[in-house]
Amino acid sequence: MIKKSLISIWKFYVDGFRSMTLGRTLWLLILIKLFIMFFVLKLFFFPSFLKGKTTEEKEEFVGSELVERAVD
């Protein structure tokens, strides 16, 4: 019963995406925007503070940040 309904849902979406014309362009724009948000913005605005540190240094850094932010 569940398998049959999942197959019908799958076929519904496959047929819908196959018949898209404008939708493909919109999906392409969505994917480009997601790429920009998660890749490009991360490179420029979210630096890696833990890069190049040992495990102990990472533990110390995270612990001190948590304590400092909890006090403020």
C-alpha atoms as a PDB file:
ATOM      1  CA  MET A   1       0.000   0.000   0.000  1.00  0.00           C
ATOM      2  CA  ILE A   2       2.706   2.481   1.016  1.00  0.00           C
ATOM      3  CA  LYS A   3       4.979   1.356  -1.810  1.00  0.00           C
ATOM      4  CA  LYS A   4       2.207   1.902  -4.361  1.00  0.00           C
ATOM      5  CA  SER A   5       1.482   5.420  -3.130  1.00  0.00           C
ATOM      6  CA  LEU A   6       5.196   6.310  -3.081  1.00  0.00           C
ATOM      7  CA  ILE A   7       5.525   5.125  -6.676  1.00  0.00           C
ATOM      8  CA  SER A   8       2.529   7.209  -7.737  1.00  0.00           C
ATOM      9  CA  ILE A   9       3.957  10.287  -5.985  1.00  0.00           C
ATOM     10  CA  TRP A  10       7.324   9.693  -7.687  1.00  0.00           C
ATOM     11  CA  LYS A  11       5.663   9.403 -11.118  1.00  0.00           C
ATOM     12  CA  PHE A  12       3.667  12.584 -10.453  1.00  0.00           C
ATOM     13  CA  TYR A  13       6.823  14.606  -9.755  1.00  0.00           C
ATOM     14  CA  VAL A  14       8.800  13.060 -12.635  1.00  0.00           C
ATOM     15  CA  ASP A  15       6.024  13.906 -15.093  1.00  0.00           C
ATOM     16  CA  GLY A  16       5.762  17.418 -13.683  1.00  0.00           C
ATOM     17  CA  PHE A  17       9.478  18.148 -13.977  1.00  0.00           C
ATOM     18  CA  ARG A  18       9.630  16.599 -17.443  1.00  0.00           C
ATOM     19  CA  SER A  19       6.957  18.961 -18.778  1.00  0.00           C
ATOM     20  CA  MET A  20       8.502  22.102 -17.259  1.00  0.00           C
ATOM     21  CA  THR A  21       9.775  24.891 -19.485  1.00  0.00           C
ATOM     22  CA  LEU A  22      10.013  28.029 -17.342  1.00  0.00           C
ATOM     23  CA  GLY A  23      10.435  25.940 -14.198  1.00  0.00           C
ATOM     24  CA  ARG A  24      13.823  24.618 -15.285  1.00  0.00           C
ATOM     25  CA  THR A  25      15.134  28.156 -15.594  1.00  0.00           C
ATOM     26  CA  LEU A  26      13.761  29.010 -12.160  1.00  0.00           C
ATOM     27  CA  TRP A  27      15.366  25.900 -10.642  1.00  0.00           C
ATOM     28  CA  LEU A  28      18.664  26.888 -12.235  1.00  0.00           C
ATOM     29  CA  LEU A  29      18.385  30.342 -10.650  1.00  0.00           C
ATOM     30  CA  ILE A  30      17.591  28.779  -7.273  1.00  0.00           C
ATOM     31  CA  LEU A  31      20.640  26.511  -7.490  1.00  0.00           C
ATOM     32  CA  ILE A  32      22.893  29.424  -8.472  1.00  0.00           C
ATOM     33  CA  LYS A  33      21.609  31.473  -5.539  1.00  0.00           C
ATOM     34  CA  LEU A  34      22.198  28.587  -3.134  1.00  0.00           C
ATOM     35  CA  PHE A  35      25.727  28.187  -4.469  1.00  0.00           C
ATOM     36  CA  ILE A  36      26.390  31.884  -3.924  1.00  0.00           C
ATOM     37  CA  MET A  37      24.934  31.848  -0.422  1.00  0.00           C
ATOM     38  CA  PHE A  38      26.685  28.749   0.860  1.00  0.00           C
ATOM     39  CA  PHE A  39      29.997  28.808  -0.986  1.00  0.00           C
ATOM     40  CA  VAL A  40      30.930  32.364  -1.900  1.00  0.00           C
ATOM     41  CA  LEU A  41      29.591  34.043   1.232  1.00  0.00           C
ATOM     42  CA  LYS A  42      31.284  31.446   3.439  1.00  0.00           C
ATOM     43  CA  LEU A  43      34.625  32.175   1.830  1.00  0.00           C
ATOM     44  CA  PHE A  44      34.425  35.927   2.428  1.00  0.00           C
ATOM     45  CA  PHE A  45      32.321  36.421   5.556  1.00  0.00           C
ATOM     46  CA  PHE A  46      32.765  33.305   7.697  1.00  0.00           C
ATOM     47  CA  PRO A  47      36.456  32.647   8.275  1.00  0.00           C
ATOM     48  CA  SER A  48      37.595  29.362   9.766  1.00  0.00           C
ATOM     49  CA  PHE A  49      38.908  30.160  13.228  1.00  0.00           C
ATOM     50  CA  LEU A  50      39.881  26.554  13.874  1.00  0.00           C
ATOM     51  CA  LYS A  51      41.939  26.002  10.736  1.00  0.00           C
ATOM     52  CA  GLY A  52      45.471  24.873  11.460  1.00  0.00           C
ATOM     53  CA  LYS A  53      44.918  24.221  15.177  1.00  0.00           C
ATOM     54  CA  THR A  54      45.456  20.988  17.019  1.00  0.00           C
ATOM     55  CA  THR A  55      42.603  19.150  18.703  1.00  0.00           C
ATOM     56  CA  GLU A  56      43.540  20.516  22.109  1.00  0.00           C
ATOM     57  CA  GLU A  57      43.720  24.076  20.795  1.00  0.00           C
ATOM     58  CA  LYS A  58      40.316  23.648  19.155  1.00  0.00           C
ATOM     59  CA  GLU A  59      38.817  22.390  22.407  1.00  0.00           C
ATOM     60  CA  GLU A  60      40.291  25.321  24.319  1.00  0.00           C
ATOM     61  CA  PHE A  61      39.096  27.873  21.756  1.00  0.00           C
ATOM     62  CA  VAL A  62      35.534  26.538  21.629  1.00  0.00           C
ATOM     63  CA  GLY A  63      35.338  26.239  25.415  1.00  0.00           C
ATOM     64  CA  SER A  64      36.563  29.791  25.972  1.00  0.00           C
ATOM     65  CA  GLU A  65      34.175  31.177  23.351  1.00  0.00           C
ATOM     66  CA  LEU A  66      31.216  29.406  24.940  1.00  0.00           C
ATOM     67  CA  VAL A  67      32.127  30.728  28.374  1.00  0.00           C
ATOM     68  CA  GLU A  68      32.699  34.294  27.130  1.00  0.00           C
ATOM     69  CA  ARG A  69      29.421  34.397  25.235  1.00  0.00           C
ATOM     70  CA  ALA A  70      27.488  32.906  28.162  1.00  0.00           C
ATOM     71  CA  VAL A  71      28.808  35.608  30.504  1.00  0.00           C
ATOM     72  CA  ASP A  72      27.900  38.460  28.142  1.00  0.00           C
END
